[in-house]
Amino acid sequence: MDTTEKIIMIILAAALALFLILAIVSVILVIRVLKSVNRVTQKAERLVDSAETVGQIFKQTAEQMSFVRLLRNVADMVGQRHREKKGE
């Protein structure tokens, strides 16, 4: 090997080492980003679960309120009939 071949080989070896180091750092950063994305998605899932629970509670409350409203309407109608009969 003459001098130019050695210089080219050193340059190529240095470039290969540089790209290898950059690849390792990039993989580490991608792994960190994926872990934080995983944490965010877990928090979002918990938030959705709690929102579903709140929605179910509102639904149950609305069902109970509509039942109470129905009973009140029946009581009002009975009261009106009773007043009408008393008024006669």
N, C-alpha and C. Protein backbone atom coordinates (compact mmCIF):
# COMPACT_ATOMS: atom_id res chain seq x y z
N MET A 1 0.84 -1.18 0.00
CA MET A 1 0.00 0.00 0.00
C MET A 1 0.89 1.24 0.00
N ASP A 2 0.52 2.11 -0.85
CA ASP A 2 1.29 3.35 -0.85
C ASP A 2 0.59 4.39 0.03
N THR A 3 1.10 5.57 0.09
CA THR A 3 0.66 6.60 1.03
C THR A 3 -0.78 7.05 0.76
N THR A 4 -1.18 7.23 -0.48
CA THR A 4 -2.54 7.68 -0.78
C THR A 4 -3.57 6.66 -0.34
N GLU A 5 -3.27 5.40 -0.54
CA GLU A 5 -4.21 4.35 -0.12
C GLU A 5 -4.37 4.34 1.40
N LYS A 6 -3.28 4.57 2.09
CA LYS A 6 -3.33 4.61 3.56
C LYS A 6 -4.17 5.80 4.03
N ILE A 7 -3.98 6.94 3.39
CA ILE A 7 -4.72 8.15 3.77
C ILE A 7 -6.22 7.93 3.51
N ILE A 8 -6.54 7.37 2.34
CA ILE A 8 -7.95 7.09 2.03
C ILE A 8 -8.53 6.10 3.03
N MET A 9 -7.76 5.08 3.40
CA MET A 9 -8.23 4.09 4.36
C MET A 9 -8.46 4.73 5.73
N ILE A 10 -7.60 5.62 6.15
CA ILE A 10 -7.77 6.30 7.44
C ILE A 10 -9.01 7.19 7.40
N ILE A 11 -9.20 7.91 6.30
CA ILE A 11 -10.38 8.77 6.16
C ILE A 11 -11.65 7.93 6.20
N LEU A 12 -11.68 6.83 5.46
CA LEU A 12 -12.86 5.96 5.45
C LEU A 12 -13.13 5.33 6.82
N ALA A 13 -12.07 4.93 7.50
CA ALA A 13 -12.23 4.35 8.84
C ALA A 13 -12.77 5.39 9.82
N ALA A 14 -12.29 6.63 9.71
CA ALA A 14 -12.78 7.69 10.59
C ALA A 14 -14.24 8.00 10.28
N ALA A 15 -14.60 8.04 8.98
CA ALA A 15 -16.00 8.29 8.61
C ALA A 15 -16.89 7.16 9.10
N LEU A 16 -16.44 5.93 8.96
CA LEU A 16 -17.22 4.78 9.44
C LEU A 16 -17.41 4.85 10.95
N ALA A 17 -16.37 5.20 11.68
CA ALA A 17 -16.48 5.32 13.13
C ALA A 17 -17.44 6.45 13.50
N LEU A 18 -17.36 7.56 12.80
CA LEU A 18 -18.25 8.68 13.05
C LEU A 18 -19.70 8.29 12.80
N PHE A 19 -19.99 7.65 11.67
CA PHE A 19 -21.35 7.23 11.37
C PHE A 19 -21.85 6.17 12.36
N LEU A 20 -20.96 5.31 12.81
CA LEU A 20 -21.34 4.31 13.80
C LEU A 20 -21.72 4.97 15.12
N ILE A 21 -20.96 5.95 15.55
CA ILE A 21 -21.28 6.68 16.78
C ILE A 21 -22.60 7.43 16.62
N LEU A 22 -22.79 8.09 15.47
CA LEU A 22 -24.05 8.79 15.22
C LEU A 22 -25.25 7.83 15.22
N ALA A 23 -25.07 6.65 14.66
CA ALA A 23 -26.15 5.66 14.64
C ALA A 23 -26.49 5.20 16.05
N ILE A 24 -25.49 4.98 16.87
CA ILE A 24 -25.73 4.54 18.25
C ILE A 24 -26.48 5.63 19.02
N VAL A 25 -26.03 6.89 18.88
CA VAL A 25 -26.69 7.99 19.57
C VAL A 25 -28.13 8.14 19.08
N SER A 26 -28.34 8.00 17.78
CA SER A 26 -29.69 8.11 17.23
C SER A 26 -30.61 7.01 17.77
N VAL A 27 -30.11 5.80 17.85
CA VAL A 27 -30.92 4.70 18.39
C VAL A 27 -31.27 4.96 19.84
N ILE A 28 -30.34 5.46 20.62
CA ILE A 28 -30.61 5.76 22.04
C ILE A 28 -31.68 6.84 22.15
N LEU A 29 -31.59 7.89 21.33
CA LEU A 29 -32.59 8.96 21.37
C LEU A 29 -33.97 8.44 20.94
N VAL A 30 -34.01 7.59 19.92
CA VAL A 30 -35.29 7.04 19.47
C VAL A 30 -35.91 6.18 20.57
N ILE A 31 -35.10 5.42 21.27
CA ILE A 31 -35.62 4.60 22.38
C ILE A 31 -36.19 5.49 23.47
N ARG A 32 -35.51 6.58 23.80
CA ARG A 32 -36.02 7.50 24.82
C ARG A 32 -37.35 8.12 24.40
N VAL A 33 -37.43 8.53 23.13
CA VAL A 33 -38.67 9.14 22.63
C VAL A 33 -39.80 8.12 22.68
N LEU A 34 -39.53 6.88 22.29
CA LEU A 34 -40.56 5.85 22.32
C LEU A 34 -41.04 5.56 23.74
N LYS A 35 -40.13 5.61 24.70
CA LYS A 35 -40.53 5.40 26.10
C LYS A 35 -41.43 6.54 26.57
N SER A 36 -41.08 7.79 26.19
CA SER A 36 -41.96 8.89 26.61
C SER A 36 -43.30 8.84 25.90
N VAL A 37 -43.33 8.42 24.65
CA VAL A 37 -44.60 8.26 23.95
C VAL A 37 -45.43 7.18 24.63
N ASN A 38 -44.78 6.12 25.07
CA ASN A 38 -45.48 5.04 25.77
C ASN A 38 -46.10 5.57 27.08
N ARG A 39 -45.35 6.38 27.81
CA ARG A 39 -45.88 6.96 29.05
C ARG A 39 -47.08 7.86 28.76
N VAL A 40 -46.98 8.66 27.71
CA VAL A 40 -48.08 9.57 27.36
C VAL A 40 -49.32 8.77 26.98
N THR A 41 -49.14 7.71 26.21
CA THR A 41 -50.31 6.90 25.81
C THR A 41 -50.93 6.21 27.01
N GLN A 42 -50.12 5.77 27.96
CA GLN A 42 -50.68 5.16 29.17
C GLN A 42 -51.49 6.19 29.96
N LYS A 43 -50.98 7.40 30.08
CA LYS A 43 -51.74 8.45 30.78
C LYS A 43 -53.03 8.77 30.04
N ALA A 44 -52.96 8.80 28.71
CA ALA A 44 -54.15 9.08 27.91
C ALA A 44 -55.18 7.97 28.09
N GLU A 45 -54.73 6.72 28.16
CA GLU A 45 -55.66 5.61 28.38
C GLU A 45 -56.33 5.73 29.75
N ARG A 46 -55.55 6.11 30.76
CA ARG A 46 -56.15 6.29 32.08
C ARG A 46 -57.16 7.42 32.08
N LEU A 47 -56.85 8.49 31.36
CA LEU A 47 -57.76 9.62 31.25
C LEU A 47 -59.06 9.21 30.55
N VAL A 48 -58.93 8.43 29.49
CA VAL A 48 -60.12 7.96 28.78
C VAL A 48 -60.95 7.05 29.67
N ASP A 49 -60.28 6.18 30.42
CA ASP A 49 -61.01 5.30 31.33
C ASP A 49 -61.78 6.11 32.38
N SER A 50 -61.14 7.13 32.93
CA SER A 50 -61.83 7.95 33.93
C SER A 50 -62.96 8.74 33.29
N ALA A 51 -62.76 9.20 32.05
CA ALA A 51 -63.83 9.92 31.36
C ALA A 51 -65.01 8.99 31.08
N GLU A 52 -64.73 7.74 30.74
CA GLU A 52 -65.81 6.77 30.53
C GLU A 52 -66.57 6.54 31.83
N THR A 53 -65.84 6.48 32.93
CA THR A 53 -66.49 6.28 34.23
C THR A 53 -67.39 7.46 34.55
N VAL A 54 -66.90 8.66 34.31
CA VAL A 54 -67.71 9.86 34.56
C VAL A 54 -68.94 9.85 33.66
N GLY A 55 -68.76 9.44 32.41
CA GLY A 55 -69.89 9.36 31.48
C GLY A 55 -70.93 8.37 31.95
N GLN A 56 -70.49 7.24 32.47
CA GLN A 56 -71.43 6.24 32.99
C GLN A 56 -72.18 6.78 34.21
N ILE A 57 -71.47 7.52 35.05
CA ILE A 57 -72.13 8.10 36.23
C ILE A 57 -73.19 9.09 35.79
N PHE A 58 -72.86 9.95 34.81
CA PHE A 58 -73.85 10.91 34.31
C PHE A 58 -75.04 10.19 33.69
N LYS A 59 -74.78 9.12 32.98
CA LYS A 59 -75.86 8.36 32.34
C LYS A 59 -76.78 7.77 33.40
N GLN A 60 -76.19 7.18 34.44
CA GLN A 60 -77.00 6.61 35.52
C GLN A 60 -77.81 7.70 36.21
N THR A 61 -77.19 8.82 36.45
CA THR A 61 -77.88 9.93 37.10
C THR A 61 -79.02 10.43 36.23
N ALA A 62 -78.78 10.53 34.94
CA ALA A 62 -79.83 10.99 34.02
C ALA A 62 -80.99 10.00 34.01
N GLU A 63 -80.68 8.70 34.03
CA GLU A 63 -81.74 7.70 34.06
C GLU A 63 -82.55 7.82 35.35
N GLN A 64 -81.87 8.02 36.46
CA GLN A 64 -82.57 8.17 37.73
C GLN A 64 -83.41 9.45 37.74
N MET A 65 -82.85 10.52 37.17
CA MET A 65 -83.59 11.78 37.14
C MET A 65 -84.83 11.67 36.26
N SER A 66 -84.72 10.94 35.14
CA SER A 66 -85.88 10.80 34.28
C SER A 66 -86.95 9.96 34.99
N PHE A 67 -86.55 8.99 35.78
CA PHE A 67 -87.52 8.20 36.54
C PHE A 67 -88.20 9.07 37.59
N VAL A 68 -87.41 9.91 38.26
CA VAL A 68 -87.98 10.82 39.26
C VAL A 68 -88.91 11.82 38.57
N ARG A 69 -88.53 12.32 37.40
CA ARG A 69 -89.37 13.25 36.66
C ARG A 69 -90.69 12.57 36.27
N LEU A 70 -90.63 11.31 35.87
CA LEU A 70 -91.84 10.57 35.52
C LEU A 70 -92.75 10.44 36.74
N LEU A 71 -92.17 10.10 37.88
CA LEU A 71 -92.97 9.99 39.11
C LEU A 71 -93.59 11.33 39.47
N ARG A 72 -92.83 12.41 39.31
CA ARG A 72 -93.36 13.74 39.62
C ARG A 72 -94.52 14.10 38.68
N ASN A 73 -94.36 13.79 37.40
CA ASN A 73 -95.44 14.06 36.45
C ASN A 73 -96.69 13.27 36.80
N VAL A 74 -96.52 12.01 37.18
CA VAL A 74 -97.68 11.20 37.57
C VAL A 74 -98.33 11.81 38.81
N ALA A 75 -97.50 12.21 39.77
CA ALA A 75 -98.04 12.81 40.99
C ALA A 75 -98.77 14.12 40.67
N ASP A 76 -98.22 14.93 39.78
CA ASP A 76 -98.88 16.17 39.38
C ASP A 76 -100.21 15.90 38.71
N MET A 77 -100.26 14.90 37.84
CA MET A 77 -101.51 14.58 37.15
C MET A 77 -102.56 14.08 38.14
N VAL A 78 -102.12 13.26 39.08
CA VAL A 78 -103.07 12.77 40.10
C VAL A 78 -103.54 13.94 40.95
N GLY A 79 -102.62 14.84 41.31
CA GLY A 79 -102.99 16.01 42.10
C GLY A 79 -103.97 16.90 41.36
N GLN A 80 -103.79 17.09 40.06
CA GLN A 80 -104.71 17.90 39.27
C GLN A 80 -106.09 17.27 39.24
N ARG A 81 -106.15 15.98 39.04
CA ARG A 81 -107.45 15.29 39.01
C ARG A 81 -108.14 15.42 40.36
N HIS A 82 -107.33 15.27 41.42
CA HIS A 82 -107.90 15.36 42.76
C HIS A 82 -108.46 16.77 43.02
N ARG A 83 -107.72 17.82 42.58
CA ARG A 83 -108.19 19.19 42.75
C ARG A 83 -109.43 19.45 41.91
N GLU A 84 -109.43 18.90 40.69
CA GLU A 84 -110.60 19.08 39.83
C GLU A 84 -111.85 18.46 40.46
N LYS A 85 -111.70 17.29 41.04
CA LYS A 85 -112.86 16.63 41.67
C LYS A 85 -113.29 17.39 42.92
N LYS A 86 -112.34 17.96 43.66
CA LYS A 86 -112.70 18.73 44.85
C LYS A 86 -113.42 20.01 44.46
N GLY A 87 -113.00 20.60 43.34
CA GLY A 87 -113.57 21.85 42.90
C GLY A 87 -115.01 21.69 42.42
N GLU A 88 -115.42 20.53 42.02
CA GLU A 88 -116.77 20.33 41.50
C GLU A 88 -117.80 20.37 42.55
